[in-house]
Each structure stands twice: as C-alpha cells, then as structure tokens.
Amino acid sequence: MSLRKQTPSDFLKQIIGRPVVVKLNSGVDYRGVLACLDGYMNIAVEQTEEYVNGQLKNKYGDAFLRGNNGIFKR
C-alpha cells in the first residue's frame, strides 16, 4: 500500500464549501466559507467576517485573500 503525500493545495481543494478561518500575517482573522483558490494559494471566501483582536469588526459578502498574506486554520 502506498501513501501519497498531500499538498496544501490538494487539502484546500477538498474543503471547498466548508467553513475556514484564515489568519493574516497582521493578526487579523477572516472567517467564512471557502469558495475557491488558485495555483498561487489566493483564495476567495464567502460570508466573510473580519475579526481583529478576537472582536468582529466587519462583515463582507465575498473576500479575496492573497496567498502570501496568511495561514489557514480549520
């Protein structure tokens, strides 16, 4: 039996349509539903909420987050 290593992109493609939390390098969290991603790990999130220091600051319908600005938490 062979185990195939999964890339981060493969993982993210599997969770499209599910709730995610993206933490930016600045410390701001974006919570919403993962809509899609591209080869550069840029992502689109729907029903997005922005949290600063744990407090809700804004709500967005859709948000586009650059892949080099954050990390995923699930």
C-alpha atoms as a PDB file:
ATOM      1  CA  MET A   1       0.000   0.000   0.000  1.00  0.00           C
ATOM      2  CA  SER A   2       1.457   3.376  -0.966  1.00  0.00           C
ATOM      3  CA  LEU A   3       0.667   6.619   0.794  1.00  0.00           C
ATOM      4  CA  ARG A   4       0.513   9.710  -1.371  1.00  0.00           C
ATOM      5  CA  LYS A   5       1.660  12.926   0.225  1.00  0.00           C
ATOM      6  CA  GLN A   6      -0.963  15.622   0.061  1.00  0.00           C
ATOM      7  CA  THR A   7      -0.009  19.183  -0.868  1.00  0.00           C
ATOM      8  CA  PRO A   8      -1.629  22.163   0.868  1.00  0.00           C
ATOM      9  CA  SER A   9      -3.420  22.945  -2.396  1.00  0.00           C
ATOM     10  CA  ASP A  10      -4.831  19.389  -2.551  1.00  0.00           C
ATOM     11  CA  PHE A  11      -6.092  19.737   1.005  1.00  0.00           C
ATOM     12  CA  LEU A  12      -7.751  23.093   0.325  1.00  0.00           C
ATOM     13  CA  LYS A  13      -9.487  21.760  -2.783  1.00  0.00           C
ATOM     14  CA  GLN A  14     -11.043  19.068  -0.585  1.00  0.00           C
ATOM     15  CA  ILE A  15     -12.550  21.608   1.818  1.00  0.00           C
ATOM     16  CA  ILE A  16     -14.090  23.988  -0.725  1.00  0.00           C
ATOM     17  CA  GLY A  17     -17.572  24.853   0.521  1.00  0.00           C
ATOM     18  CA  ARG A  18     -16.643  24.352   4.177  1.00  0.00           C
ATOM     19  CA  PRO A  19     -16.080  26.959   6.912  1.00  0.00           C
ATOM     20  CA  VAL A  20     -12.491  28.163   7.314  1.00  0.00           C
ATOM     21  CA  VAL A  21     -10.505  30.656   9.360  1.00  0.00           C
ATOM     22  CA  VAL A  22      -7.665  32.483   7.615  1.00  0.00           C
ATOM     23  CA  LYS A  23      -5.221  34.300   9.874  1.00  0.00           C
ATOM     24  CA  LEU A  24      -3.250  37.031   8.135  1.00  0.00           C
ATOM     25  CA  ASN A  25       0.343  37.848   8.994  1.00  0.00           C
ATOM     26  CA  SER A  26      -1.020  41.065  10.537  1.00  0.00           C
ATOM     27  CA  GLY A  27      -3.001  39.014  13.072  1.00  0.00           C
ATOM     28  CA  VAL A  28      -6.436  39.727  11.569  1.00  0.00           C
ATOM     29  CA  ASP A  29      -8.700  36.671  11.194  1.00  0.00           C
ATOM     30  CA  TYR A  30     -11.162  36.174   8.347  1.00  0.00           C
ATOM     31  CA  ARG A  31     -13.867  33.571   8.878  1.00  0.00           C
ATOM     32  CA  GLY A  32     -16.157  32.333   6.164  1.00  0.00           C
ATOM     33  CA  VAL A  33     -16.842  29.628   3.600  1.00  0.00           C
ATOM     34  CA  LEU A  34     -14.001  28.688   1.253  1.00  0.00           C
ATOM     35  CA  ALA A  35     -15.241  29.377  -2.284  1.00  0.00           C
ATOM     36  CA  CYS A  36     -12.178  28.723  -4.466  1.00  0.00           C
ATOM     37  CA  LEU A  37      -8.422  29.019  -4.776  1.00  0.00           C
ATOM     38  CA  ASP A  38      -5.799  29.310  -7.485  1.00  0.00           C
ATOM     39  CA  GLY A  39      -2.274  27.995  -8.054  1.00  0.00           C
ATOM     40  CA  TYR A  40      -0.786  30.838  -6.024  1.00  0.00           C
ATOM     41  CA  MET A  41      -2.921  29.902  -2.997  1.00  0.00           C
ATOM     42  CA  ASN A  42      -5.012  33.059  -3.399  1.00  0.00           C
ATOM     43  CA  ILE A  43      -8.434  32.271  -2.030  1.00  0.00           C
ATOM     44  CA  ALA A  44     -11.975  33.547  -2.254  1.00  0.00           C
ATOM     45  CA  VAL A  45     -14.116  33.350   0.872  1.00  0.00           C
ATOM     46  CA  GLU A  46     -17.897  33.859   1.023  1.00  0.00           C
ATOM     47  CA  GLN A  47     -19.962  35.100   4.006  1.00  0.00           C
ATOM     48  CA  THR A  48     -16.759  36.619   5.355  1.00  0.00           C
ATOM     49  CA  GLU A  49     -16.376  38.118   8.816  1.00  0.00           C
ATOM     50  CA  GLU A  50     -13.296  40.088   9.853  1.00  0.00           C
ATOM     51  CA  TYR A  51     -12.029  39.742  13.433  1.00  0.00           C
ATOM     52  CA  VAL A  52      -9.407  41.992  14.999  1.00  0.00           C
ATOM     53  CA  ASN A  53      -8.123  41.008  18.441  1.00  0.00           C
ATOM     54  CA  GLY A  54     -10.960  38.485  18.644  1.00  0.00           C
ATOM     55  CA  GLN A  55     -13.686  41.088  18.047  1.00  0.00           C
ATOM     56  CA  LEU A  56     -15.932  41.193  14.993  1.00  0.00           C
ATOM     57  CA  LYS A  57     -15.111  44.357  13.010  1.00  0.00           C
ATOM     58  CA  ASN A  58     -16.736  43.901   9.581  1.00  0.00           C
ATOM     59  CA  LYS A  59     -18.879  41.567   7.523  1.00  0.00           C
ATOM     60  CA  TYR A  60     -18.315  41.109   3.792  1.00  0.00           C
ATOM     61  CA  GLY A  61     -20.252  39.122   1.242  1.00  0.00           C
ATOM     62  CA  ASP A  62     -17.139  37.925  -0.565  1.00  0.00           C
ATOM     63  CA  ALA A  63     -13.449  38.465   0.127  1.00  0.00           C
ATOM     64  CA  PHE A  64     -10.309  37.741  -1.878  1.00  0.00           C
ATOM     65  CA  LEU A  65      -7.210  36.978   0.188  1.00  0.00           C
ATOM     66  CA  ARG A  66      -3.712  36.795  -1.275  1.00  0.00           C
ATOM     67  CA  GLY A  67      -1.965  33.539  -0.605  1.00  0.00           C
ATOM     68  CA  ASN A  68       1.265  35.068   0.652  1.00  0.00           C
ATOM     69  CA  ASN A  69      -0.521  37.014   3.405  1.00  0.00           C
ATOM     70  CA  GLY A  70      -1.923  34.301   5.597  1.00  0.00           C
ATOM     71  CA  ILE A  71      -2.181  30.843   7.024  1.00  0.00           C
ATOM     72  CA  PHE A  72      -5.196  28.568   7.265  1.00  0.00           C
ATOM     73  CA  LYS A  73      -6.752  27.328  10.438  1.00  0.00           C
ATOM     74  CA  ARG A  74      -9.686  24.998  10.252  1.00  0.00           C
END
